[in-house]
PDB file of N, CA and C in Angstrom:
ATOM      1  N   MET A   1     -11.429   2.948  -6.852  1.00  0.00           N
ATOM      2  CA  MET A   1     -10.434   2.990  -5.845  1.00  0.00           C
ATOM      3  C   MET A   1     -11.666   4.531  -5.226  1.00  0.00           C
ATOM      4  N   GLU A   2     -12.557   4.623  -4.755  1.00  0.00           N
ATOM      5  CA  GLU A   2     -13.638   5.931  -4.194  1.00  0.00           C
ATOM      6  C   GLU A   2     -12.637   7.145  -3.599  1.00  0.00           C
ATOM      7  N   PHE A   3     -11.881   6.101  -2.328  1.00  0.00           N
ATOM      8  CA  PHE A   3     -11.458   8.103  -1.795  1.00  0.00           C
ATOM      9  C   PHE A   3      -9.537   8.070  -2.896  1.00  0.00           C
ATOM     10  N   SER A   4      -9.444   7.502  -3.133  1.00  0.00           N
ATOM     11  CA  SER A   4      -7.702   7.570  -3.685  1.00  0.00           C
ATOM     12  C   SER A   4      -7.885   7.514  -4.888  1.00  0.00           C
ATOM     13  N   ASP A   5      -6.365   7.625  -5.305  1.00  0.00           N
ATOM     14  CA  ASP A   5      -5.681   7.936  -6.143  1.00  0.00           C
ATOM     15  C   ASP A   5      -4.893   7.670  -6.224  1.00  0.00           C
ATOM     16  N   SER A   6      -4.125   7.390  -7.452  1.00  0.00           N
ATOM     17  CA  SER A   6      -2.785   6.405  -7.253  1.00  0.00           C
ATOM     18  C   SER A   6      -1.037   7.873  -7.499  1.00  0.00           C
ATOM     19  N   LEU A   7      -0.649   7.154  -7.292  1.00  0.00           N
ATOM     20  CA  LEU A   7       0.984   7.654  -7.246  1.00  0.00           C
ATOM     21  C   LEU A   7       1.439   7.612  -8.688  1.00  0.00           C
ATOM     22  N   LYS A   8       2.028   8.140  -8.748  1.00  0.00           N
ATOM     23  CA  LYS A   8       2.475   8.095 -10.590  1.00  0.00           C
ATOM     24  C   LYS A   8       3.866   8.327 -11.216  1.00  0.00           C
ATOM     25  N   LYS A   9       4.009   9.510 -10.566  1.00  0.00           N
ATOM     26  CA  LYS A   9       5.030  10.578 -10.572  1.00  0.00           C
ATOM     27  C   LYS A   9       6.506   9.753  -9.594  1.00  0.00           C
ATOM     28  N   TYR A  10       7.846   9.963 -10.634  1.00  0.00           N
ATOM     29  CA  TYR A  10       9.011   9.462  -9.645  1.00  0.00           C
ATOM     30  C   TYR A  10       9.323  10.332  -8.684  1.00  0.00           C
ATOM     31  N   ARG A  11       8.901  11.392  -9.083  1.00  0.00           N
ATOM     32  CA  ARG A  11       8.977  13.590  -7.680  1.00  0.00           C
ATOM     33  C   ARG A  11       7.872  12.757  -6.255  1.00  0.00           C
ATOM     34  N   ASP A  12       6.822  12.445  -6.964  1.00  0.00           N
ATOM     35  CA  ASP A  12       5.518  12.037  -5.440  1.00  0.00           C
ATOM     36  C   ASP A  12       6.411  10.440  -4.781  1.00  0.00           C
ATOM     37  N   PHE A  13       6.662   9.549  -5.633  1.00  0.00           N
ATOM     38  CA  PHE A  13       6.940   8.690  -4.440  1.00  0.00           C
ATOM     39  C   PHE A  13       8.481   8.819  -3.708  1.00  0.00           C
ATOM     40  N   GLN A  14       9.207   9.744  -4.669  1.00  0.00           N
ATOM     41  CA  GLN A  14      10.399  10.359  -3.876  1.00  0.00           C
ATOM     42  C   GLN A  14       9.828  10.974  -2.482  1.00  0.00           C
ATOM     43  N   ARG A  15       9.107  11.601  -2.641  1.00  0.00           N
ATOM     44  CA  ARG A  15       8.338  12.699  -1.299  1.00  0.00           C
ATOM     45  C   ARG A  15       7.877  11.490  -0.395  1.00  0.00           C
ATOM     46  N   VAL A  16       6.969  10.749  -0.730  1.00  0.00           N
ATOM     47  CA  VAL A  16       6.966   9.590   0.269  1.00  0.00           C
ATOM     48  C   VAL A  16       7.844   9.147   0.903  1.00  0.00           C
ATOM     49  N   TYR A  17       8.953   8.452   0.505  1.00  0.00           N
ATOM     50  CA  TYR A  17      10.037   7.611   0.629  1.00  0.00           C
ATOM     51  C   TYR A  17      11.160   8.771   2.092  1.00  0.00           C
ATOM     52  N   ARG A  18      11.341  10.553   1.428  1.00  0.00           N
ATOM     53  CA  ARG A  18      11.870  11.024   2.313  1.00  0.00           C
ATOM     54  C   ARG A  18      11.784  11.151   3.753  1.00  0.00           C
ATOM     55  N   ASN A  19      10.168  10.517   3.548  1.00  0.00           N
ATOM     56  CA  ASN A  19       9.561  10.821   4.773  1.00  0.00           C
ATOM     57  C   ASN A  19      10.186   9.804   5.899  1.00  0.00           C
ATOM     58  N   LYS A  20      10.824   8.975   5.630  1.00  0.00           N
ATOM     59  CA  LYS A  20      11.464   7.591   6.041  1.00  0.00           C
ATOM     60  C   LYS A  20      10.448   7.648   7.264  1.00  0.00           C
ATOM     61  N   LYS A  21       8.999   7.016   7.563  1.00  0.00           N
ATOM     62  CA  LYS A  21       8.391   6.797   8.187  1.00  0.00           C
ATOM     63  C   LYS A  21       7.667   5.715   7.340  1.00  0.00           C
ATOM     64  N   SER A  22       8.289   4.156   7.798  1.00  0.00           N
ATOM     65  CA  SER A  22       8.121   3.191   7.056  1.00  0.00           C
ATOM     66  C   SER A  22       7.871   1.980   7.810  1.00  0.00           C
ATOM     67  N   TYR A  23       7.478   0.719   7.934  1.00  0.00           N
ATOM     68  CA  TYR A  23       6.983  -0.475   8.406  1.00  0.00           C
ATOM     69  C   TYR A  23       7.313  -1.424   7.536  1.00  0.00           C
ATOM     70  N   ALA A  24       7.807  -2.533   8.419  1.00  0.00           N
ATOM     71  CA  ALA A  24       7.677  -3.649   7.206  1.00  0.00           C
ATOM     72  C   ALA A  24       7.312  -4.813   7.611  1.00  0.00           C
ATOM     73  N   ASN A  25       7.153  -5.858   6.820  1.00  0.00           N
ATOM     74  CA  ASN A  25       6.970  -7.361   7.498  1.00  0.00           C
ATOM     75  C   ASN A  25       7.454  -8.033   6.092  1.00  0.00           C
ATOM     76  N   LYS A  26       7.135  -9.736   6.585  1.00  0.00           N
ATOM     77  CA  LYS A  26       7.929 -10.353   5.561  1.00  0.00           C
ATOM     78  C   LYS A  26       7.200 -10.657   4.319  1.00  0.00           C
ATOM     79  N   TYR A  27       6.382  -9.711   3.570  1.00  0.00           N
ATOM     80  CA  TYR A  27       5.927  -9.674   2.105  1.00  0.00           C
ATOM     81  C   TYR A  27       5.606  -8.293   1.582  1.00  0.00           C
ATOM     82  N   LEU A  28       5.484  -6.935   2.553  1.00  0.00           N
ATOM     83  CA  LEU A  28       5.523  -5.600   2.026  1.00  0.00           C
ATOM     84  C   LEU A  28       6.101  -4.892   3.021  1.00  0.00           C
ATOM     85  N   VAL A  29       6.574  -3.804   2.392  1.00  0.00           N
ATOM     86  CA  VAL A  29       7.396  -2.608   2.929  1.00  0.00           C
ATOM     87  C   VAL A  29       6.116  -0.668   2.506  1.00  0.00           C
ATOM     88  N   MET A  30       5.642  -0.669   3.773  1.00  0.00           N
ATOM     89  CA  MET A  30       4.575   0.605   3.499  1.00  0.00           C
ATOM     90  C   MET A  30       5.553   1.874   4.023  1.00  0.00           C
ATOM     91  N   TYR A  31       5.397   2.957   2.673  1.00  0.00           N
ATOM     92  CA  TYR A  31       5.430   3.804   3.529  1.00  0.00           C
ATOM     93  C   TYR A  31       4.551   5.683   3.749  1.00  0.00           C
ATOM     94  N   VAL A  32       4.817   6.008   4.830  1.00  0.00           N
ATOM     95  CA  VAL A  32       3.347   6.977   4.509  1.00  0.00           C
ATOM     96  C   VAL A  32       3.839   8.135   4.711  1.00  0.00           C
ATOM     97  N   LEU A  33       3.036   9.396   4.581  1.00  0.00           N
ATOM     98  CA  LEU A  33       3.036  10.540   4.443  1.00  0.00           C
ATOM     99  C   LEU A  33       1.978  11.321   4.594  1.00  0.00           C
ATOM    100  N   ARG A  34       1.772  11.838   5.634  1.00  0.00           N
ATOM    101  CA  ARG A  34       0.545  12.646   5.717  1.00  0.00           C
ATOM    102  C   ARG A  34       0.258  13.992   4.805  1.00  0.00           C
ATOM    103  N   GLN A  35      -1.269  14.314   4.634  1.00  0.00           N
ATOM    104  CA  GLN A  35      -1.240  15.404   3.304  1.00  0.00           C
ATOM    105  C   GLN A  35      -2.800  15.628   4.377  1.00  0.00           C
ATOM    106  N   ASP A  36      -2.857  17.446   4.005  1.00  0.00           N
ATOM    107  CA  ASP A  36      -3.670  17.875   4.054  1.00  0.00           C
ATOM    108  C   ASP A  36      -4.741  17.553   3.328  1.00  0.00           C
ATOM    109  N   THR A  37      -5.467  16.613   2.414  1.00  0.00           N
ATOM    110  CA  THR A  37      -6.304  16.492   1.925  1.00  0.00           C
ATOM    111  C   THR A  37      -7.389  15.886   2.502  1.00  0.00           C
ATOM    112  N   GLN A  38      -8.440  15.656   1.768  1.00  0.00           N
ATOM    113  CA  GLN A  38      -9.481  14.979   1.549  1.00  0.00           C
ATOM    114  C   GLN A  38     -10.042  13.531   1.362  1.00  0.00           C
ATOM    115  N   GLU A  39      -8.340  12.646   0.156  1.00  0.00           N
ATOM    116  CA  GLU A  39      -8.380  11.788  -0.591  1.00  0.00           C
ATOM    117  C   GLU A  39      -6.903  10.889  -0.442  1.00  0.00           C
ATOM    118  N   ASN A  40      -6.790   9.796  -0.169  1.00  0.00           N
ATOM    119  CA  ASN A  40      -5.544   9.061  -0.324  1.00  0.00           C
ATOM    120  C   ASN A  40      -4.698   9.109  -1.633  1.00  0.00           C
ATOM    121  N   HIS A  41      -3.236   8.828  -1.971  1.00  0.00           N
ATOM    122  CA  HIS A  41      -2.548   8.404  -2.838  1.00  0.00           C
ATOM    123  C   HIS A  41      -2.216   6.889  -2.751  1.00  0.00           C
ATOM    124  N   ILE A  42      -1.948   6.489  -3.340  1.00  0.00           N
ATOM    125  CA  ILE A  42      -1.279   4.882  -3.336  1.00  0.00           C
ATOM    126  C   ILE A  42      -0.781   4.550  -4.447  1.00  0.00           C
ATOM    127  N   GLY A  43       0.897   4.866  -4.556  1.00  0.00           N
ATOM    128  CA  GLY A  43       1.921   3.820  -5.119  1.00  0.00           C
ATOM    129  C   GLY A  43       2.230   2.538  -4.834  1.00  0.00           C
ATOM    130  N   ILE A  44       2.524   1.691  -5.642  1.00  0.00           N
ATOM    131  CA  ILE A  44       2.879   0.705  -5.356  1.00  0.00           C
ATOM    132  C   ILE A  44       3.876  -0.021  -6.389  1.00  0.00           C
ATOM    133  N   SER A  45       4.630  -0.623  -5.898  1.00  0.00           N
ATOM    134  CA  SER A  45       6.304  -0.739  -7.082  1.00  0.00           C
ATOM    135  C   SER A  45       6.349  -2.163  -5.918  1.00  0.00           C
ATOM    136  N   VAL A  46       7.102  -2.803  -7.833  1.00  0.00           N
ATOM    137  CA  VAL A  46       7.065  -4.215  -7.054  1.00  0.00           C
ATOM    138  C   VAL A  46       8.764  -4.465  -8.411  1.00  0.00           C
ATOM    139  N   SER A  47       9.542  -4.633  -7.722  1.00  0.00           N
ATOM    140  CA  SER A  47      10.847  -4.802  -8.584  1.00  0.00           C
ATOM    141  C   SER A  47      11.272  -6.086  -9.404  1.00  0.00           C
ATOM    142  N   LYS A  48      12.098  -5.820 -10.053  1.00  0.00           N
ATOM    143  CA  LYS A  48      12.481  -7.589 -10.858  1.00  0.00           C
ATOM    144  C   LYS A  48      13.454  -8.284 -10.188  1.00  0.00           C
ATOM    145  N   LYS A  49      13.354  -8.124  -9.318  1.00  0.00           N
ATOM    146  CA  LYS A  49      14.129  -9.312  -7.767  1.00  0.00           C
ATOM    147  C   LYS A  49      12.858  -9.694  -7.682  1.00  0.00           C
ATOM    148  N   VAL A  50      11.238  -9.623  -7.686  1.00  0.00           N
ATOM    149  CA  VAL A  50      10.424 -10.611  -7.261  1.00  0.00           C
ATOM    150  C   VAL A  50      10.052 -11.454  -8.423  1.00  0.00           C
ATOM    151  N   GLY A  51      10.301 -10.850  -9.972  1.00  0.00           N
ATOM    152  CA  GLY A  51       9.872 -12.057 -10.799  1.00  0.00           C
ATOM    153  C   GLY A  51      10.095 -11.146 -12.164  1.00  0.00           C
ATOM    154  N   ASN A  52       8.747 -12.272 -13.045  1.00  0.00           N
ATOM    155  CA  ASN A  52       8.741 -11.424 -14.813  1.00  0.00           C
ATOM    156  C   ASN A  52       7.886 -10.467 -14.594  1.00  0.00           C
ATOM    157  N   SER A  53       7.579  -9.598 -15.517  1.00  0.00           N
ATOM    158  CA  SER A  53       6.621  -8.705 -15.349  1.00  0.00           C
ATOM    159  C   SER A  53       5.213  -9.777 -15.519  1.00  0.00           C
ATOM    160  N   VAL A  54       4.930 -10.768 -15.591  1.00  0.00           N
ATOM    161  CA  VAL A  54       3.417 -11.165 -14.938  1.00  0.00           C
ATOM    162  C   VAL A  54       3.476 -12.001 -13.707  1.00  0.00           C
ATOM    163  N   VAL A  55       4.464 -11.918 -13.469  1.00  0.00           N
ATOM    164  CA  VAL A  55       4.715 -12.380 -11.784  1.00  0.00           C
ATOM    165  C   VAL A  55       4.366 -10.567 -11.083  1.00  0.00           C
ATOM    166  N   ARG A  56       5.010  -9.571 -11.889  1.00  0.00           N
ATOM    167  CA  ARG A  56       4.925  -8.484 -11.168  1.00  0.00           C
ATOM    168  C   ARG A  56       3.195  -7.929 -11.162  1.00  0.00           C
ATOM    169  N   HIS A  57       3.028  -7.739 -12.802  1.00  0.00           N
ATOM    170  CA  HIS A  57       1.401  -7.898 -12.252  1.00  0.00           C
ATOM    171  C   HIS A  57       0.835  -7.702 -11.289  1.00  0.00           C
ATOM    172  N   ARG A  58       1.043  -9.376 -10.963  1.00  0.00           N
ATOM    173  CA  ARG A  58       0.004  -9.456 -10.586  1.00  0.00           C
ATOM    174  C   ARG A  58      -0.034  -9.727  -9.316  1.00  0.00           C
ATOM    175  N   ILE A  59       1.344  -9.374  -8.700  1.00  0.00           N
ATOM    176  CA  ILE A  59       1.203  -8.907  -7.077  1.00  0.00           C
ATOM    177  C   ILE A  59       0.580  -7.305  -7.067  1.00  0.00           C
ATOM    178  N   THR A  60       1.212  -6.442  -7.760  1.00  0.00           N
ATOM    179  CA  THR A  60       0.146  -5.039  -8.032  1.00  0.00           C
ATOM    180  C   THR A  60      -1.117  -4.940  -8.228  1.00  0.00           C
ATOM    181  N   ARG A  61      -1.925  -6.183  -9.067  1.00  0.00           N
ATOM    182  CA  ARG A  61      -3.175  -6.157  -8.612  1.00  0.00           C
ATOM    183  C   ARG A  61      -3.847  -6.619  -7.640  1.00  0.00           C
ATOM    184  N   LEU A  62      -3.156  -7.584  -6.906  1.00  0.00           N
ATOM    185  CA  LEU A  62      -3.536  -7.950  -5.884  1.00  0.00           C
ATOM    186  C   LEU A  62      -3.358  -7.345  -4.378  1.00  0.00           C
ATOM    187  N   ILE A  63      -2.549  -5.888  -4.489  1.00  0.00           N
ATOM    188  CA  ILE A  63      -1.605  -4.924  -3.595  1.00  0.00           C
ATOM    189  C   ILE A  63      -2.756  -4.000  -3.699  1.00  0.00           C
ATOM    190  N   ARG A  64      -3.751  -3.688  -4.607  1.00  0.00           N
ATOM    191  CA  ARG A  64      -4.481  -2.611  -5.307  1.00  0.00           C
ATOM    192  C   ARG A  64      -5.686  -3.038  -4.977  1.00  0.00           C
ATOM    193  N   GLU A  65      -6.107  -4.432  -5.605  1.00  0.00           N
ATOM    194  CA  GLU A  65      -7.889  -4.437  -5.266  1.00  0.00           C
ATOM    195  C   GLU A  65      -7.742  -4.918  -3.138  1.00  0.00           C
ATOM    196  N   SER A  66      -6.202  -5.694  -2.918  1.00  0.00           N
ATOM    197  CA  SER A  66      -6.725  -5.716  -1.502  1.00  0.00           C
ATOM    198  C   SER A  66      -7.149  -4.236  -0.722  1.00  0.00           C
ATOM    199  N   TYR A  67      -5.894  -3.363  -0.713  1.00  0.00           N
ATOM    200  CA  TYR A  67      -6.112  -1.575  -0.528  1.00  0.00           C
ATOM    201  C   TYR A  67      -7.891  -1.264  -0.970  1.00  0.00           C
ATOM    202  N   ARG A  68      -8.690  -1.277  -2.065  1.00  0.00           N
ATOM    203  CA  ARG A  68      -9.669  -1.107  -2.325  1.00  0.00           C
ATOM    204  C   ARG A  68     -10.794  -1.916  -1.631  1.00  0.00           C
ATOM    205  N   LEU A  69     -10.635  -3.511  -1.352  1.00  0.00           N
ATOM    206  CA  LEU A  69     -11.722  -3.586  -0.555  1.00  0.00           C
ATOM    207  C   LEU A  69     -11.827  -3.396   0.748  1.00  0.00           C
ATOM    208  N   ASN A  70     -10.056  -2.376   1.420  1.00  0.00           N
ATOM    209  CA  ASN A  70     -10.163  -1.838   2.748  1.00  0.00           C
ATOM    210  C   ASN A  70     -10.485  -0.940   2.735  1.00  0.00           C
ATOM    211  N   GLU A  71     -10.568   0.613   1.637  1.00  0.00           N
ATOM    212  CA  GLU A  71     -10.360   1.536   1.136  1.00  0.00           C
ATOM    213  C   GLU A  71     -10.842   2.227   2.394  1.00  0.00           C
ATOM    214  N   ASP A  72     -12.175   2.415   2.423  1.00  0.00           N
ATOM    215  CA  ASP A  72     -12.605   2.656   4.059  1.00  0.00           C
ATOM    216  C   ASP A  72     -12.478   2.614   5.197  1.00  0.00           C
ATOM    217  N   LYS A  73     -11.625   1.870   5.894  1.00  0.00           N
ATOM    218  CA  LYS A  73     -11.265   1.749   7.019  1.00  0.00           C
ATOM    219  C   LYS A  73      -9.436   2.746   7.529  1.00  0.00           C
ATOM    220  N   PHE A  74      -8.870   3.257   6.348  1.00  0.00           N
ATOM    221  CA  PHE A  74      -7.562   3.576   5.864  1.00  0.00           C
ATOM    222  C   PHE A  74      -8.408   5.142   6.247  1.00  0.00           C
ATOM    223  N   ASP A  75      -7.466   5.640   7.474  1.00  0.00           N
ATOM    224  CA  ASP A  75      -7.665   7.464   7.238  1.00  0.00           C
ATOM    225  C   ASP A  75      -7.473   8.246   6.241  1.00  0.00           C
ATOM    226  N   ARG A  76      -8.154   9.188   6.483  1.00  0.00           N
ATOM    227  CA  ARG A  76      -7.888  10.124   4.926  1.00  0.00           C
ATOM    228  C   ARG A  76      -6.300  10.921   4.500  1.00  0.00           C
ATOM    229  N   GLY A  77      -6.291  11.560   3.390  1.00  0.00           N
ATOM    230  CA  GLY A  77      -5.551  12.757   3.849  1.00  0.00           C
ATOM    231  C   GLY A  77      -3.538  11.859   4.139  1.00  0.00           C
ATOM    232  N   LEU A  78      -3.724  10.212   2.993  1.00  0.00           N
ATOM    233  CA  LEU A  78      -2.109   9.669   3.602  1.00  0.00           C
ATOM    234  C   LEU A  78      -2.316   9.640   1.730  1.00  0.00           C
ATOM    235  N   ASP A  79      -0.053   9.500   2.171  1.00  0.00           N
ATOM    236  CA  ASP A  79       0.174   8.957   0.789  1.00  0.00           C
ATOM    237  C   ASP A  79       1.164   7.625   1.109  1.00  0.00           C
ATOM    238  N   LEU A  80       0.844   6.805   0.512  1.00  0.00           N
ATOM    239  CA  LEU A  80       1.193   5.490   0.717  1.00  0.00           C
ATOM    240  C   LEU A  80       1.745   4.883  -0.065  1.00  0.00           C
ATOM    241  N   VAL A  81       3.333   4.629   0.182  1.00  0.00           N
ATOM    242  CA  VAL A  81       3.906   3.536  -1.136  1.00  0.00           C
ATOM    243  C   VAL A  81       3.754   2.442  -0.398  1.00  0.00           C
ATOM    244  N   VAL A  82       3.644   1.410  -1.371  1.00  0.00           N
ATOM    245  CA  VAL A  82       3.850   0.008  -0.732  1.00  0.00           C
ATOM    246  C   VAL A  82       4.310  -0.649  -1.377  1.00  0.00           C
ATOM    247  N   VAL A  83       6.015  -0.883  -1.023  1.00  0.00           N
ATOM    248  CA  VAL A  83       6.565  -1.384  -1.817  1.00  0.00           C
ATOM    249  C   VAL A  83       6.947  -3.651  -1.792  1.00  0.00           C
ATOM    250  N   ALA A  84       6.242  -4.298  -3.244  1.00  0.00           N
ATOM    251  CA  ALA A  84       6.629  -5.896  -2.628  1.00  0.00           C
ATOM    252  C   ALA A  84       8.158  -6.089  -2.656  1.00  0.00           C
ATOM    253  N   ARG A  85       7.771  -7.198  -1.199  1.00  0.00           N
ATOM    254  CA  ARG A  85       9.364  -7.903  -1.216  1.00  0.00           C
ATOM    255  C   ARG A  85       9.415  -9.140  -1.621  1.00  0.00           C
ATOM    256  N   PRO A  86      10.791  -9.717  -2.314  1.00  0.00           N
ATOM    257  CA  PRO A  86      10.680 -11.229  -3.123  1.00  0.00           C
ATOM    258  C   PRO A  86       9.513 -11.861  -2.435  1.00  0.00           C
ATOM    259  N   ALA A  87       9.466 -12.468  -1.158  1.00  0.00           N
ATOM    260  CA  ALA A  87       9.067 -13.417  -0.463  1.00  0.00           C
ATOM    261  C   ALA A  87       7.344 -13.269  -0.628  1.00  0.00           C
ATOM    262  N   VAL A  88       6.532 -12.416  -1.527  1.00  0.00           N
ATOM    263  CA  VAL A  88       5.002 -12.497  -1.974  1.00  0.00           C
ATOM    264  C   VAL A  88       5.432 -12.899  -3.290  1.00  0.00           C
ATOM    265  N   LYS A  89       6.271 -13.686  -4.197  1.00  0.00           N
ATOM    266  CA  LYS A  89       5.910 -14.022  -4.743  1.00  0.00           C
ATOM    267  C   LYS A  89       5.392 -15.410  -4.507  1.00  0.00           C
ATOM    268  N   GLY A  90       3.692 -15.582  -5.116  1.00  0.00           N
ATOM    269  CA  GLY A  90       3.200 -17.118  -5.379  1.00  0.00           C
ATOM    270  C   GLY A  90       2.141 -17.169  -4.577  1.00  0.00           C
ATOM    271  N   LYS A  91       1.971 -16.021  -3.595  1.00  0.00           N
ATOM    272  CA  LYS A  91       1.330 -16.097  -2.242  1.00  0.00           C
ATOM    273  C   LYS A  91      -0.250 -15.066  -3.137  1.00  0.00           C
ATOM    274  N   GLY A  92      -1.191 -16.033  -2.300  1.00  0.00           N
ATOM    275  CA  GLY A  92      -2.573 -15.542  -2.722  1.00  0.00           C
ATOM    276  C   GLY A  92      -3.156 -14.538  -2.278  1.00  0.00           C
ATOM    277  N   PHE A  93      -4.275 -13.972  -2.651  1.00  0.00           N
ATOM    278  CA  PHE A  93      -4.971 -12.458  -1.329  1.00  0.00           C
ATOM    279  C   PHE A  93      -5.229 -12.645  -0.548  1.00  0.00           C
ATOM    280  N   THR A  94      -5.368 -13.553   0.472  1.00  0.00           N
ATOM    281  CA  THR A  94      -5.560 -13.398   1.754  1.00  0.00           C
ATOM    282  C   THR A  94      -4.229 -12.893   2.331  1.00  0.00           C
ATOM    283  N   GLU A  95      -3.236 -13.421   1.484  1.00  0.00           N
ATOM    284  CA  GLU A  95      -1.903 -13.508   2.741  1.00  0.00           C
ATOM    285  C   GLU A  95      -1.419 -11.894   2.394  1.00  0.00           C
ATOM    286  N   VAL A  96      -1.689 -11.572   0.996  1.00  0.00           N
ATOM    287  CA  VAL A  96      -0.988 -10.289   0.393  1.00  0.00           C
ATOM    288  C   VAL A  96      -2.649  -9.412   1.648  1.00  0.00           C
ATOM    289  N   GLU A  97      -3.381  -9.460   1.238  1.00  0.00           N
ATOM    290  CA  GLU A  97      -4.355  -9.007   2.269  1.00  0.00           C
ATOM    291  C   GLU A  97      -4.384  -8.611   3.589  1.00  0.00           C
ATOM    292  N   SER A  98      -3.431  -9.819   4.220  1.00  0.00           N
ATOM    293  CA  SER A  98      -3.089  -9.622   5.528  1.00  0.00           C
ATOM    294  C   SER A  98      -2.351  -8.970   5.560  1.00  0.00           C
ATOM    295  N   ALA A  99      -1.278  -9.402   4.944  1.00  0.00           N
ATOM    296  CA  ALA A  99       0.074  -8.388   5.095  1.00  0.00           C
ATOM    297  C   ALA A  99      -0.812  -6.883   5.183  1.00  0.00           C
ATOM    298  N   LEU A 100      -0.688  -6.488   3.818  1.00  0.00           N
ATOM    299  CA  LEU A 100      -1.476  -4.445   4.038  1.00  0.00           C
ATOM    300  C   LEU A 100      -1.520  -3.984   5.112  1.00  0.00           C
ATOM    301  N   MET A 101      -2.748  -4.880   5.493  1.00  0.00           N
ATOM    302  CA  MET A 101      -3.302  -5.081   6.594  1.00  0.00           C
ATOM    303  C   MET A 101      -3.190  -5.065   8.511  1.00  0.00           C
ATOM    304  N   HIS A 102      -2.250  -5.315   7.908  1.00  0.00           N
ATOM    305  CA  HIS A 102      -1.069  -5.605   9.306  1.00  0.00           C
ATOM    306  C   HIS A 102       0.073  -4.021   9.115  1.00  0.00           C
ATOM    307  N   LEU A 103       0.220  -3.679   7.735  1.00  0.00           N
ATOM    308  CA  LEU A 103       1.263  -2.558   8.168  1.00  0.00           C
ATOM    309  C   LEU A 103       0.503  -1.430   8.685  1.00  0.00           C
ATOM    310  N   GLY A 104      -0.793  -1.700   8.017  1.00  0.00           N
ATOM    311  CA  GLY A 104      -1.516  -0.565   8.310  1.00  0.00           C
ATOM    312  C   GLY A 104      -2.076   0.014   9.687  1.00  0.00           C
ATOM    313  N   ARG A 105      -1.710  -1.406  10.458  1.00  0.00           N
ATOM    314  CA  ARG A 105      -2.107  -1.044  11.992  1.00  0.00           C
ATOM    315  C   ARG A 105      -0.730  -0.319  12.864  1.00  0.00           C
ATOM    316  N   LEU A 106       0.744  -1.140  12.134  1.00  0.00           N
ATOM    317  CA  LEU A 106       1.108  -0.980  12.916  1.00  0.00           C
ATOM    318  C   LEU A 106       1.871   0.651  12.808  1.00  0.00           C
ATOM    319  N   GLN A 107       1.053   0.929  11.587  1.00  0.00           N
ATOM    320  CA  GLN A 107       1.465   3.061  10.871  1.00  0.00           C
ATOM    321  C   GLN A 107      -0.280   3.597  11.989  1.00  0.00           C
ATOM    322  N   HIS A 108      -0.909   3.195  12.443  1.00  0.00           N
ATOM    323  CA  HIS A 108      -1.769   3.853  12.746  1.00  0.00           C
ATOM    324  C   HIS A 108      -2.547   3.977  12.025  1.00  0.00           C
ATOM    325  N   ILE A 109      -2.805   3.619  10.952  1.00  0.00           N
ATOM    326  CA  ILE A 109      -3.634   4.857  10.055  1.00  0.00           C
ATOM    327  C   ILE A 109      -4.768   3.321   9.689  1.00  0.00           C
ATOM    328  N   VAL A 110      -5.301   2.269  10.092  1.00  0.00           N
ATOM    329  CA  VAL A 110      -6.104   1.695   9.850  1.00  0.00           C
ATOM    330  C   VAL A 110      -7.043   1.761  11.147  1.00  0.00           C
ATOM    331  N   ASN A 111      -8.220   2.005  10.947  1.00  0.00           N
ATOM    332  CA  ASN A 111      -9.410   2.044  11.537  1.00  0.00           C
ATOM    333  C   ASN A 111     -10.533   0.520  11.658  1.00  0.00           C
ATOM    334  N   SER A 112     -11.300  -0.128  12.542  1.00  0.00           N
ATOM    335  CA  SER A 112     -11.325  -1.398  12.479  1.00  0.00           C
ATOM    336  C   SER A 112     -12.913  -1.203  11.673  1.00  0.00           C
ATOM    337  N   PHE A 113     -13.411   0.177  12.173  1.00  0.00           N
ATOM    338  CA  PHE A 113     -14.779   0.119  11.583  1.00  0.00           C
ATOM    339  C   PHE A 113     -15.069   0.692  10.900  1.00  0.00           C
ATOM    340  N   GLY A 114     -14.087   1.212  10.295  1.00  0.00           N
ATOM    341  CA  GLY A 114     -14.480   1.310   8.780  1.00  0.00           C
ATOM    342  C   GLY A 114     -14.865   3.255   8.805  1.00  0.00           C
ATOM    343  N   SER A 115     -15.243   3.801   7.573  1.00  0.00           N
ATOM    344  CA  SER A 115     -16.220   4.879   7.338  1.00  0.00           C
ATOM    345  C   SER A 115     -17.033   5.424   8.248  1.00  0.00           C
ATOM    346  N   ASP A 116     -18.301   4.170   8.525  1.00  0.00           N
ATOM    347  CA  ASP A 116     -19.099   4.634   9.255  1.00  0.00           C
ATOM    348  C   ASP A 116     -18.891   4.937  11.008  1.00  0.00           C
ATOM    349  N   GLN A 117     -17.803   4.944  11.300  1.00  0.00           N
ATOM    350  CA  GLN A 117     -17.347   5.181  12.684  1.00  0.00           C
ATOM    351  C   GLN A 117     -17.161   6.192  12.810  1.00  0.00           C
TER     352      GLN A 117
END
């Protein structure tokens, strides 16, 4: 991910959760916190309710790849936490990518032109 880093620490996740600005759809929930930086931080949370470790890691990879391929469309200076819902189990890349971009548009943090505009 060229413009982004990962959220790893519990306190970083809690700081984003406390912001309480979230939107959800059938598959994902997205929390957003604006920062004064030029890079984004993304954290992905998939609970045991979604499935076993193989399923959880697959979903994590799908979300991370969906974000990576559309990273240039997201605004800069954001801390994002994406939480997977149990309904995402068994879904493919296109459904996960569509759900992620839908939440980005709801949060008004995605532009459809990418970084060249």
